[in-house]
Amino acid sequence: MPDFVDVPLPAGGAQASPEGNVRGRRATLFAIGTGLALPMLARAASGPRLAEDPFTLGVASGYPHPGGMVLWTRLAPRPVEPGGGMPAQGVPVEYTVAEDDAMRRVVARGTVTARPENAHAVHAEPDGLAAGRWYWYRFTAGGWASPIGRTRTAPPAEAAAAGLSLDLAIASCQQYEAGYYAAYRRIAADAPDLVVHLGDYIYEGGAGPSAVRRIPEPVPMTLDEYRVRHARYRLDPDLQRAHAACPWLLTWDDHEVENDYAASRSQNDDPPGWFMERRAAAYRAYYEHMPMPRRMLPMGPYMRLHTEVWHGRLARFFMLDGRQYRTPQACTPPGRGGGVPTDPGRCAELHDTARTFLGQQQRDWLFARLPVRPEAQWNVLCQQTLMQPAGLTWQGLPWVHTDGWDGYPVERARLLAALADARVANPVVLGGDVHAFYACALKQDNADPNSPVVASEFVCGAVTSPLPSARYVQRVAEVHPAVRYTHTDKRGYLRMRISATRLNAEVMGVTDVRRADSPVEVLARLEVATGRPGPVVV
């Protein structure tokens, strides 16, 4: 069972947090994510010499387990050109893992081939490393060396919760054109143990007249076009720094393919066969640009993302996919797909018990894994969007928006009941998508004020994407007492620390997404105590 743990870093020249709470283990701001290749310092794998630096997209790691993790890079001297500027042949790439940031105490080395059919992306999976410690890594190819990244292994699976802690950054919704990635600059300085990304890593569409920076390419439809779109995002230096700072776990939402798509149905209700070819291209490009294990390699338009990742006995993460398997949104007008606002009393389709958000196979897998014992102290469901009911009234009638969990009330009720029935310890739901911060106490029956709270929910705001209606979010909080906190004025991310006795969350707000160097401040602090579900503002 894959996991991760807290190990001090060597001292260095850290950038201090304005709040003064950056611990000593965050104290090394190493040469990562700069986009600059180093002179060749290690032996080069045999293969063609490359005239230009191929490591323009940086390095990344993800999905740590006690003996290793996934290490990623992509060779692309000219990444926004089809083919990335690489020759149409395989190129050997050597990876090196060391115990120190100077790469002197090498503990693992291997060679993988970057192939043109995979956009010369590399997914290396070293194993046999020591559990529960930090490592540094680098790639070499064609006479060039990549930036150095930092990663870590998980602690032993049997490690007791009392001896562990975990620092997280939680992010989603990072439309490139809508702003700069000051949030990722701060995440890299925070140097967390893990980043959890909850979807909308890329946007297929543009930001319109409000764009802060521009992407010149059209809306992607083909594999080459999705590769270029990912490369545009990956060229951002702050995003590279955050990827190189620690391992990531990821799931997607809609914009990695198309806004509001559901299974084989597009927002424009395109022919399913055509849309599934587009989905296959998008899924392929997504895998090629993420530090994901080979077992997640897509097969045409299908890619299994859902998995569980353990942090000893402290925390278990369920990475869930709310797009690929869901029933299309209910009560859409003829000739279109996607979400719509609707009156739940007049949309019988909403209440059809056959409708699903997760898909039967993924749901069955999740429900079978929830009661596994011995269990983790905290059980974290990482999914796309707000689970708390948010329905309001409009012109005197109740209405909900059908793209979120409000559009799948039967599935939501099943999931909350499963958490209660399995007596899952300290369940926490993480979400994104809605571009606002929420902290909620999830009840089995939101309409019953006496219904027990079964889980805590935290929804991160957008890294850059447009802010929602403040009045709408305020009204949701007024109508639903289970909503303990909201914020709509700033973009940002969530910073979270999990220990054996409590979960502490900080809402991190970016002052101005039009500035790459924007300050980032703590907007609120929340806490969940073990055995007492429901966030509390502290």
Protein backbone atom coordinates (compact mmCIF):
# COMPACT_ATOMS: atom_id res chain seq x y z
CA MET A 1 0.00 0.00 0.00
CA PRO A 2 1.61 3.25 -1.15
CA ASP A 3 2.26 5.94 1.55
CA PHE A 4 4.46 9.01 2.79
CA VAL A 5 6.17 10.74 6.14
CA ASP A 6 7.83 13.67 7.73
CA VAL A 7 11.64 13.71 7.58
CA PRO A 8 13.76 16.83 8.23
CA LEU A 9 15.59 18.45 5.34
CA PRO A 10 19.19 19.59 5.50
CA ALA A 11 19.52 23.24 6.48
CA GLY A 12 19.70 25.75 3.66
CA GLY A 13 18.62 29.19 2.58
CA ALA A 14 14.87 28.99 2.81
CA GLN A 15 12.47 31.71 1.91
CA ALA A 16 10.55 32.41 5.12
CA SER A 17 6.78 32.36 5.36
CA PRO A 18 5.22 35.74 6.18
CA GLU A 19 3.35 33.94 8.97
CA GLY A 20 6.62 32.69 10.44
CA ASN A 21 5.44 29.10 10.57
CA VAL A 22 7.72 27.56 7.98
CA ARG A 23 9.40 24.73 9.84
CA GLY A 24 13.09 23.91 9.56
CA ARG A 25 12.43 21.04 7.18
CA ARG A 26 11.24 23.59 4.63
CA ALA A 27 14.60 25.26 4.71
CA THR A 28 16.17 24.30 1.40
CA LEU A 29 15.30 26.27 -1.72
CA PHE A 30 17.27 24.05 -4.05
CA ALA A 31 17.90 24.50 -7.78
CA ILE A 32 14.58 23.15 -8.96
CA GLY A 33 12.06 24.16 -11.53
CA THR A 34 14.20 26.87 -13.02
CA GLY A 35 13.96 25.55 -16.54
CA LEU A 36 17.75 25.84 -16.84
CA ALA A 37 19.78 22.78 -17.80
CA LEU A 38 22.98 22.19 -15.88
CA PRO A 39 26.25 21.24 -17.55
CA MET A 40 26.60 17.48 -17.86
CA LEU A 41 27.74 16.34 -14.40
CA ALA A 42 26.92 12.65 -14.68
CA ARG A 43 27.50 10.00 -17.27
CA ALA A 44 25.17 10.40 -20.27
CA ALA A 45 23.11 7.51 -21.58
CA SER A 46 24.14 6.47 -25.06
CA GLY A 47 22.03 8.03 -27.78
CA PRO A 48 21.85 10.99 -30.15
CA ARG A 49 23.36 14.29 -29.05
CA LEU A 50 20.74 17.03 -28.91
CA ALA A 51 21.58 20.53 -30.10
CA GLU A 52 19.10 22.22 -27.74
CA ASP A 53 18.13 21.77 -24.10
CA PRO A 54 15.38 19.10 -24.06
CA PHE A 55 14.33 19.71 -20.43
CA THR A 56 12.32 22.87 -21.02
CA LEU A 57 9.26 21.46 -19.22
CA GLY A 58 11.06 20.67 -15.98
CA VAL A 59 10.71 17.57 -13.82
CA ALA A 60 8.05 16.13 -11.52
CA SER A 61 7.34 13.22 -9.21
CA GLY A 62 4.23 11.57 -7.89
CA TYR A 63 2.42 8.63 -6.28
CA PRO A 64 5.04 7.79 -3.63
CA HIS A 65 5.11 4.40 -1.90
CA PRO A 66 7.48 3.05 0.77
CA GLY A 67 10.07 1.91 -1.78
CA GLY A 68 9.84 4.55 -4.49
CA MET A 69 7.71 6.86 -6.59
CA VAL A 70 7.14 7.97 -10.20
CA LEU A 71 9.71 10.36 -11.72
CA TRP A 72 8.63 12.37 -14.78
CA THR A 73 10.07 14.54 -17.48
CA ARG A 74 9.49 15.14 -21.19
CA LEU A 75 12.15 15.83 -23.80
CA ALA A 76 10.96 18.86 -25.78
CA PRO A 77 13.52 21.46 -26.94
CA ARG A 78 10.69 23.36 -28.72
CA PRO A 79 7.65 22.25 -26.72
CA VAL A 80 4.94 24.34 -28.41
CA GLU A 81 5.74 22.85 -31.81
CA PRO A 82 4.22 19.53 -32.91
CA GLY A 83 6.74 16.86 -31.99
CA GLY A 84 8.40 19.16 -29.42
CA GLY A 85 11.45 19.68 -31.63
CA MET A 86 12.66 16.11 -31.06
CA PRO A 87 13.90 13.61 -33.67
CA ALA A 88 11.44 10.88 -34.66
CA GLN A 89 13.37 8.19 -32.80
CA GLY A 90 13.76 6.80 -29.32
CA VAL A 91 16.20 8.59 -27.03
CA PRO A 92 17.69 6.94 -23.92
CA VAL A 93 17.21 8.97 -20.75
CA GLU A 94 19.07 8.23 -17.55
CA TYR A 95 17.58 9.05 -14.17
CA THR A 96 19.63 9.38 -10.98
CA VAL A 97 18.31 9.40 -7.41
CA ALA A 98 20.47 10.68 -4.55
CA GLU A 99 20.28 11.24 -0.82
CA ASP A 100 21.53 14.82 -1.10
CA ASP A 101 20.67 17.84 -3.20
CA ALA A 102 24.22 17.96 -4.62
CA MET A 103 23.56 14.53 -6.16
CA ARG A 104 26.75 13.03 -4.64
CA ARG A 105 25.27 10.13 -2.63
CA VAL A 106 23.60 8.29 -5.49
CA VAL A 107 21.33 5.43 -4.41
CA ALA A 108 19.52 4.55 -7.66
CA ARG A 109 20.13 4.91 -11.36
CA GLY A 110 18.37 3.59 -14.43
CA THR A 111 17.72 4.22 -18.11
CA VAL A 112 14.40 4.46 -19.91
CA THR A 113 13.70 5.23 -23.56
CA ALA A 114 11.76 8.37 -24.45
CA ARG A 115 9.77 7.43 -27.56
CA PRO A 116 8.20 9.73 -30.17
CA GLU A 117 4.84 7.95 -29.97
CA ASN A 118 4.71 9.03 -26.31
CA ALA A 119 5.80 12.62 -27.01
CA HIS A 120 9.23 11.62 -25.63
CA ALA A 121 7.70 11.63 -22.12
CA VAL A 122 9.44 9.64 -19.40
CA HIS A 123 7.77 7.85 -16.49
CA ALA A 124 10.50 6.18 -14.43
CA GLU A 125 9.54 4.11 -11.38
CA PRO A 126 12.57 3.46 -9.15
CA ASP A 127 12.01 0.96 -6.35
CA GLY A 128 13.97 -0.40 -3.40
CA LEU A 129 14.55 3.01 -1.80
CA ALA A 130 14.39 3.56 1.96
CA ALA A 131 10.91 4.28 3.30
CA GLY A 132 9.93 7.63 4.75
CA ARG A 133 12.70 9.95 3.58
CA TRP A 134 13.49 12.72 1.12
CA TYR A 135 15.46 12.16 -2.08
CA TRP A 136 16.68 14.30 -4.98
CA TYR A 137 16.64 13.28 -8.64
CA ARG A 138 17.79 14.38 -12.07
CA PHE A 139 17.56 13.18 -15.69
CA THR A 140 20.26 13.27 -18.37
CA ALA A 141 19.82 12.84 -22.12
CA GLY A 142 21.52 13.91 -25.33
CA GLY A 143 24.38 15.68 -23.52
CA TRP A 144 22.08 17.69 -21.24
CA ALA A 145 21.05 17.47 -17.59
CA SER A 146 17.65 18.41 -16.21
CA PRO A 147 16.97 20.64 -13.19
CA ILE A 148 17.16 18.77 -9.89
CA GLY A 149 13.87 17.83 -8.25
CA ARG A 150 13.03 16.82 -4.71
CA THR A 151 10.79 13.89 -3.84
CA ARG A 152 10.11 11.45 -1.04
CA THR A 153 9.11 7.90 -0.29
CA ALA A 154 6.20 6.89 1.90
CA PRO A 155 6.71 5.61 5.42
CA PRO A 156 6.29 1.90 6.11
CA ALA A 157 2.70 0.75 5.71
CA GLU A 158 2.53 -0.28 9.36
CA ALA A 159 3.86 3.06 10.69
CA ALA A 160 1.60 4.22 13.54
CA ALA A 161 -0.37 7.43 13.14
CA ALA A 162 1.02 8.83 16.40
CA GLY A 163 4.50 9.04 14.92
CA LEU A 164 3.53 10.72 11.63
CA SER A 165 2.40 14.05 10.25
CA LEU A 166 1.75 15.29 6.73
CA ASP A 167 1.79 18.74 5.11
CA LEU A 168 -0.34 19.17 1.99
CA ALA A 169 -1.08 21.81 -0.61
CA ILE A 170 -4.44 21.38 -2.35
CA ALA A 171 -5.03 23.10 -5.69
CA SER A 172 -7.36 23.17 -8.69
CA CYS A 173 -8.65 25.35 -11.54
CA GLN A 174 -5.53 27.02 -12.93
CA GLN A 175 -6.58 28.66 -16.18
CA TYR A 176 -3.31 29.90 -17.66
CA GLU A 177 -4.75 32.94 -19.40
CA ALA A 178 -6.66 34.12 -16.32
CA GLY A 179 -3.55 34.91 -14.29
CA TYR A 180 -0.05 34.09 -13.10
CA TYR A 181 0.83 31.24 -10.80
CA ALA A 182 1.83 33.13 -7.66
CA ALA A 183 0.03 30.38 -5.73
CA TYR A 184 2.51 27.82 -7.06
CA ARG A 185 5.45 30.09 -6.27
CA ARG A 186 4.26 30.08 -2.66
CA ILE A 187 3.58 26.32 -2.68
CA ALA A 188 7.16 25.71 -3.79
CA ALA A 189 8.40 27.95 -0.95
CA ASP A 190 6.14 26.09 1.51
CA ALA A 191 7.87 22.87 0.43
CA PRO A 192 4.99 20.56 1.47
CA ASP A 193 5.18 16.80 1.67
CA LEU A 194 2.59 16.41 -1.07
CA VAL A 195 0.49 18.41 -3.54
CA VAL A 196 -3.01 17.13 -4.29
CA HIS A 197 -4.43 18.49 -7.54
CA LEU A 198 -8.20 18.17 -7.96
CA GLY A 199 -8.75 18.96 -11.62
CA ASP A 200 -8.82 21.60 -14.36
CA TYR A 201 -5.05 21.45 -14.71
CA ILE A 202 -5.44 22.85 -18.23
CA TYR A 203 -8.34 24.67 -19.85
CA GLU A 204 -9.28 23.83 -23.39
CA GLY A 205 -10.86 27.25 -23.91
CA GLY A 206 -9.62 30.80 -23.46
CA ALA A 207 -10.28 33.46 -20.83
CA GLY A 208 -11.81 35.96 -23.25
CA PRO A 209 -11.31 39.73 -22.92
CA SER A 210 -10.28 39.42 -19.27
CA ALA A 211 -7.16 37.40 -20.14
CA VAL A 212 -3.98 38.38 -18.31
CA ARG A 213 -1.74 36.39 -20.68
CA ARG A 214 -2.53 34.75 -23.99
CA ILE A 215 -2.32 31.30 -25.54
CA PRO A 216 -2.10 31.74 -29.34
CA GLU A 217 -3.15 28.21 -30.30
CA PRO A 218 -6.82 27.32 -31.01
CA VAL A 219 -9.02 25.11 -28.84
CA PRO A 220 -7.34 21.67 -28.85
CA MET A 221 -9.04 18.79 -30.64
CA THR A 222 -6.19 16.49 -31.70
CA LEU A 223 -3.40 14.76 -29.79
CA ASP A 224 -0.77 17.19 -31.05
CA GLU A 225 -2.94 20.13 -30.03
CA TYR A 226 -3.54 18.80 -26.50
CA ARG A 227 0.20 18.18 -26.17
CA VAL A 228 0.91 21.79 -27.08
CA ARG A 229 -1.71 23.02 -24.63
CA HIS A 230 -0.13 21.04 -21.78
CA ALA A 231 3.31 22.30 -22.81
CA ARG A 232 2.12 25.92 -22.64
CA TYR A 233 1.11 25.38 -19.02
CA ARG A 234 4.23 23.39 -18.17
CA LEU A 235 6.49 26.19 -19.38
CA ASP A 236 5.38 28.37 -16.48
CA PRO A 237 8.38 28.60 -14.10
CA ASP A 238 6.30 28.68 -10.91
CA LEU A 239 4.35 25.59 -11.88
CA GLN A 240 7.68 23.88 -12.62
CA ARG A 241 8.98 24.86 -9.18
CA ALA A 242 5.93 23.41 -7.45
CA HIS A 243 6.22 20.14 -9.37
CA ALA A 244 9.90 19.87 -8.53
CA ALA A 245 9.37 20.59 -4.82
CA CYS A 246 7.57 17.38 -3.81
CA PRO A 247 5.44 14.51 -5.12
CA TRP A 248 1.92 15.10 -6.48
CA LEU A 249 -1.32 13.15 -6.58
CA LEU A 250 -3.76 14.13 -9.33
CA THR A 251 -7.24 13.70 -10.65
CA TRP A 252 -8.97 15.56 -13.47
CA ASP A 253 -12.22 17.42 -14.02
CA ASP A 254 -13.82 18.57 -17.26
CA HIS A 255 -11.49 21.15 -18.80
CA GLU A 256 -8.72 18.61 -19.39
CA VAL A 257 -11.02 17.54 -22.26
CA GLU A 258 -14.01 19.89 -22.67
CA ASN A 259 -16.21 21.96 -20.37
CA ASP A 260 -18.98 19.94 -18.66
CA TYR A 261 -18.42 16.72 -20.60
CA ALA A 262 -19.88 13.57 -19.04
CA ALA A 263 -18.64 10.14 -20.13
CA SER A 264 -19.14 10.04 -23.92
CA ARG A 265 -21.37 13.12 -24.10
CA SER A 266 -19.86 16.49 -24.92
CA GLN A 267 -21.28 19.86 -23.99
CA ASN A 268 -22.31 20.38 -27.61
CA ASP A 269 -23.80 16.88 -27.87
CA ASP A 270 -21.34 15.94 -30.61
CA PRO A 271 -21.53 12.45 -32.15
CA PRO A 272 -20.24 10.11 -29.40
CA GLY A 273 -17.75 8.36 -31.69
CA TRP A 274 -16.15 11.64 -32.70
CA PHE A 275 -16.08 12.92 -29.13
CA MET A 276 -14.52 9.71 -27.81
CA GLU A 277 -11.65 10.17 -30.29
CA ARG A 278 -11.15 13.66 -28.89
CA ARG A 279 -11.32 12.27 -25.34
CA ALA A 280 -8.70 9.66 -26.21
CA ALA A 281 -6.36 12.41 -27.44
CA ALA A 282 -6.92 14.47 -24.29
CA TYR A 283 -6.40 11.51 -21.96
CA ARG A 284 -3.21 10.52 -23.76
CA ALA A 285 -1.74 14.02 -23.52
CA TYR A 286 -2.74 14.26 -19.86
CA TYR A 287 -0.91 11.04 -18.98
CA GLU A 288 2.14 12.11 -21.01
CA HIS A 289 2.47 15.28 -18.94
CA MET A 290 1.77 13.96 -15.43
CA PRO A 291 3.94 11.98 -12.96
CA MET A 292 1.59 9.00 -13.04
CA PRO A 293 2.43 5.30 -12.77
CA ARG A 294 2.47 3.13 -15.85
CA ARG A 295 -0.61 1.26 -14.64
CA MET A 296 -2.58 4.44 -15.47
CA LEU A 297 -1.48 4.46 -19.12
CA PRO A 298 -4.69 5.15 -21.10
CA MET A 299 -6.10 2.65 -23.54
CA GLY A 300 -7.80 4.76 -26.19
CA PRO A 301 -10.50 6.89 -24.48
CA TYR A 302 -10.23 4.97 -21.19
CA MET A 303 -7.85 5.67 -18.32
CA ARG A 304 -8.15 4.36 -14.79
CA LEU A 305 -7.30 7.17 -12.37
CA HIS A 306 -9.04 5.95 -9.23
CA THR A 307 -6.68 4.50 -6.70
CA GLU A 308 -5.81 4.67 -3.00
CA VAL A 309 -2.57 5.99 -1.53
CA TRP A 310 -1.60 5.45 2.11
CA HIS A 311 0.50 7.53 4.50
CA GLY A 312 1.33 4.85 7.01
CA ARG A 313 -1.63 4.52 9.36
CA LEU A 314 -2.08 8.28 9.51
CA ALA A 315 -3.98 8.94 6.27
CA ARG A 316 -5.43 7.14 3.30
CA PHE A 317 -6.20 9.06 0.09
CA PHE A 318 -8.90 7.90 -2.32
CA MET A 319 -8.25 9.52 -5.70
CA LEU A 320 -11.64 9.56 -7.49
CA ASP A 321 -12.74 10.28 -11.07
CA GLY A 322 -16.05 12.13 -11.40
CA ARG A 323 -16.00 12.63 -15.19
CA GLN A 324 -15.17 9.48 -17.10
CA TYR A 325 -17.98 7.24 -15.82
CA ARG A 326 -20.80 9.57 -14.85
CA THR A 327 -24.32 9.55 -16.27
CA PRO A 328 -24.81 12.66 -18.45
CA GLN A 329 -26.38 15.62 -16.69
CA ALA A 330 -30.13 15.52 -16.21
CA CYS A 331 -32.82 17.54 -17.98
CA THR A 332 -30.63 19.20 -20.60
CA PRO A 333 -32.39 20.91 -23.52
CA PRO A 334 -32.43 19.03 -26.86
CA GLY A 335 -29.20 19.25 -28.84
CA ARG A 336 -26.83 20.05 -26.00
CA GLY A 337 -25.10 18.45 -23.04
CA GLY A 338 -23.51 19.81 -19.90
CA GLY A 339 -24.95 21.22 -16.72
CA VAL A 340 -28.04 23.39 -16.50
CA PRO A 341 -29.93 25.05 -13.63
CA THR A 342 -33.17 23.19 -13.02
CA ASP A 343 -36.03 22.82 -10.55
CA PRO A 344 -35.49 19.45 -8.83
CA GLY A 345 -39.23 19.11 -8.36
CA ARG A 346 -39.80 19.27 -12.12
CA CYS A 347 -36.83 17.15 -13.18
CA ALA A 348 -37.74 13.56 -12.38
CA GLU A 349 -34.55 12.37 -14.08
CA LEU A 350 -32.51 13.82 -11.19
CA HIS A 351 -33.93 11.21 -8.83
CA ASP A 352 -33.48 8.16 -11.05
CA THR A 353 -31.68 5.54 -8.94
CA ALA A 354 -29.76 4.30 -11.98
CA ARG A 355 -27.94 7.62 -12.38
CA THR A 356 -24.32 7.68 -11.21
CA PHE A 357 -21.56 10.22 -10.63
CA LEU A 358 -18.73 7.75 -10.05
CA GLY A 359 -19.86 4.87 -12.25
CA GLN A 360 -20.84 1.51 -10.84
CA GLN A 361 -17.39 -0.11 -11.07
CA GLN A 362 -15.56 2.79 -9.37
CA ARG A 363 -18.33 3.10 -6.76
CA ASP A 364 -18.21 -0.62 -5.97
CA TRP A 365 -14.43 -0.43 -5.65
CA LEU A 366 -14.68 2.54 -3.27
CA PHE A 367 -17.41 1.00 -1.12
CA ALA A 368 -15.41 -2.23 -0.86
CA ARG A 369 -12.26 -0.37 0.23
CA LEU A 370 -13.87 1.96 2.80
CA PRO A 371 -14.24 -0.68 5.56
CA VAL A 372 -10.74 -2.13 5.15
CA ARG A 373 -9.05 -2.73 8.50
CA PRO A 374 -6.66 -1.88 10.07
CA GLU A 375 -7.73 1.53 8.97
CA ALA A 376 -6.06 4.90 8.68
CA GLN A 377 -6.65 7.63 11.24
CA TRP A 378 -7.88 9.97 8.46
CA ASN A 379 -9.63 8.90 5.24
CA VAL A 380 -9.49 11.55 2.54
CA LEU A 381 -11.72 11.44 -0.56
CA CYS A 382 -10.07 13.52 -3.30
CA GLN A 383 -12.63 14.40 -5.98
CA GLN A 384 -13.60 17.27 -8.22
CA THR A 385 -16.30 19.48 -6.77
CA LEU A 386 -18.52 20.68 -3.90
CA MET A 387 -20.38 17.77 -2.26
CA GLN A 388 -22.38 19.89 0.21
CA PRO A 389 -25.92 20.55 -1.14
CA ALA A 390 -25.99 24.10 -2.50
CA GLY A 391 -29.50 24.31 -3.99
CA LEU A 392 -31.27 27.66 -3.60
CA THR A 393 -34.48 29.24 -4.82
CA TRP A 394 -34.76 31.31 -7.98
CA GLN A 395 -37.82 33.40 -8.77
CA GLY A 396 -39.72 31.54 -6.07
CA LEU A 397 -38.78 28.05 -7.25
CA PRO A 398 -36.09 25.70 -5.91
CA TRP A 399 -33.24 25.07 -8.33
CA VAL A 400 -29.94 23.23 -8.54
CA HIS A 401 -27.11 23.14 -11.04
CA THR A 402 -26.88 19.69 -12.55
CA ASP A 403 -23.14 19.40 -13.29
CA GLY A 404 -22.12 19.06 -9.62
CA TRP A 405 -23.20 16.70 -6.85
CA ASP A 406 -26.56 18.51 -6.68
CA GLY A 407 -27.24 16.90 -10.05
CA TYR A 408 -26.62 13.42 -8.61
CA PRO A 409 -28.48 13.40 -5.26
CA VAL A 410 -29.04 9.62 -5.16
CA GLU A 411 -25.33 8.88 -5.64
CA ARG A 412 -24.39 11.49 -3.01
CA ALA A 413 -26.79 9.92 -0.51
CA ARG A 414 -25.33 6.46 -1.24
CA LEU A 415 -21.80 7.71 -0.65
CA LEU A 416 -22.55 9.49 2.63
CA ALA A 417 -24.46 6.43 3.84
CA ALA A 418 -21.52 4.22 2.93
CA LEU A 419 -19.18 6.40 4.99
CA ALA A 420 -21.52 6.14 7.97
CA ASP A 421 -22.24 2.41 7.58
CA ALA A 422 -18.55 1.51 7.25
CA ARG A 423 -17.76 3.59 10.36
CA VAL A 424 -14.89 5.17 8.47
CA ALA A 425 -12.53 7.00 10.81
CA ASN A 426 -12.42 10.78 10.31
CA PRO A 427 -13.63 11.02 6.69
CA VAL A 428 -12.61 14.20 4.86
CA VAL A 429 -13.85 15.20 1.39
CA LEU A 430 -11.65 17.47 -0.74
CA GLY A 431 -13.03 19.27 -3.79
CA GLY A 432 -12.39 22.07 -6.27
CA ASP A 433 -14.19 23.20 -9.46
CA VAL A 434 -16.41 25.97 -8.05
CA HIS A 435 -13.66 28.65 -7.76
CA ALA A 436 -14.62 29.46 -4.16
CA PHE A 437 -13.40 28.24 -0.78
CA TYR A 438 -15.86 26.21 1.29
CA ALA A 439 -15.63 24.33 4.59
CA CYS A 440 -18.69 22.20 5.36
CA ALA A 441 -20.04 19.62 7.79
CA LEU A 442 -21.52 16.92 5.54
CA LYS A 443 -24.69 15.37 6.96
CA GLN A 444 -26.40 12.18 5.92
CA ASP A 445 -29.58 14.20 5.38
CA ASN A 446 -28.95 17.89 4.83
CA ALA A 447 -32.67 18.66 5.12
CA ASP A 448 -32.82 17.26 8.67
CA PRO A 449 -31.19 19.55 11.25
CA ASN A 450 -30.82 16.56 13.59
CA SER A 451 -29.07 14.40 11.01
CA PRO A 452 -25.55 13.41 12.14
CA VAL A 453 -22.46 14.90 10.57
CA VAL A 454 -20.59 12.10 8.79
CA ALA A 455 -17.67 13.91 7.14
CA SER A 456 -15.74 17.17 6.92
CA GLU A 457 -15.47 18.90 3.56
CA PHE A 458 -12.89 21.39 2.29
CA VAL A 459 -13.15 22.94 -1.19
CA CYS A 460 -10.20 24.92 -2.51
CA GLY A 461 -10.65 28.06 -4.53
CA ALA A 462 -9.15 28.50 -7.98
CA VAL A 463 -5.43 29.04 -8.52
CA THR A 464 -6.29 31.60 -11.23
CA SER A 465 -9.71 30.89 -12.78
CA PRO A 466 -12.47 33.54 -12.62
CA LEU A 467 -14.18 34.21 -9.30
CA PRO A 468 -17.80 33.11 -8.84
CA SER A 469 -20.75 35.23 -7.79
CA ALA A 470 -20.05 36.35 -4.23
CA ARG A 471 -23.77 36.87 -3.64
CA TYR A 472 -24.55 33.30 -4.71
CA VAL A 473 -21.92 31.77 -2.41
CA GLN A 474 -23.00 34.02 0.47
CA ARG A 475 -26.61 32.90 -0.04
CA VAL A 476 -25.57 29.23 0.01
CA ALA A 477 -23.91 29.80 3.39
CA GLU A 478 -26.98 31.62 4.71
CA VAL A 479 -29.40 28.89 3.64
CA HIS A 480 -27.31 25.88 4.66
CA PRO A 481 -26.03 25.95 8.27
CA ALA A 482 -23.73 23.01 7.47
CA VAL A 483 -21.57 25.47 5.48
CA ARG A 484 -19.12 26.66 8.15
CA TYR A 485 -16.93 28.96 6.01
CA THR A 486 -16.85 30.49 2.53
CA HIS A 487 -14.59 32.94 0.72
CA THR A 488 -14.94 34.32 -2.82
CA ASP A 489 -12.76 37.44 -2.99
CA LYS A 490 -9.42 35.83 -3.78
CA ARG A 491 -7.91 32.94 -5.70
CA GLY A 492 -5.42 30.64 -4.04
CA TYR A 493 -5.06 27.18 -2.54
CA LEU A 494 -5.46 25.25 0.70
CA ARG A 495 -2.57 24.46 2.99
CA MET A 496 -3.23 21.55 5.32
CA ARG A 497 -1.41 19.71 8.09
CA ILE A 498 -2.63 16.32 9.28
CA SER A 499 -1.51 14.80 12.57
CA ALA A 500 -2.80 11.94 14.68
CA THR A 501 -5.10 14.20 16.70
CA ARG A 502 -6.25 16.94 14.34
CA LEU A 503 -6.39 18.37 10.85
CA ASN A 504 -5.46 22.04 10.45
CA ALA A 505 -6.28 23.90 7.25
CA GLU A 506 -5.27 27.37 6.09
CA VAL A 507 -7.00 29.25 3.30
CA MET A 508 -4.20 30.83 1.25
CA GLY A 509 -5.25 33.86 -0.79
CA VAL A 510 -3.38 35.45 -3.72
CA THR A 511 -3.57 39.24 -3.59
CA ASP A 512 -3.42 39.82 -7.36
CA VAL A 513 -3.28 37.05 -10.00
CA ARG A 514 -2.14 39.63 -12.55
CA ARG A 515 1.28 39.58 -10.84
CA ALA A 516 3.59 36.57 -10.86
CA ASP A 517 5.18 37.92 -7.67
CA SER A 518 1.91 38.63 -5.89
CA PRO A 519 1.88 38.26 -2.10
CA VAL A 520 -0.04 35.28 -0.71
CA GLU A 521 -1.68 35.57 2.71
CA VAL A 522 -3.54 33.37 5.18
CA LEU A 523 -7.24 34.29 4.93
CA ALA A 524 -8.59 31.87 7.52
CA ARG A 525 -7.61 28.93 9.70
CA LEU A 526 -9.85 25.92 10.30
CA GLU A 527 -9.55 22.76 12.32
CA VAL A 528 -11.07 19.30 12.61
CA ALA A 529 -10.42 17.28 15.77
CA THR A 530 -10.20 13.50 15.60
CA GLY A 531 -13.59 11.94 16.19
CA ARG A 532 -15.46 15.26 15.78
CA PRO A 533 -16.41 15.70 12.09
CA GLY A 534 -17.09 19.19 10.85
CA PRO A 535 -14.56 22.04 10.34
CA VAL A 536 -14.35 24.81 12.94
CA VAL A 537 -12.91 28.27 12.26
CA VAL A 538 -10.09 28.94 14.73
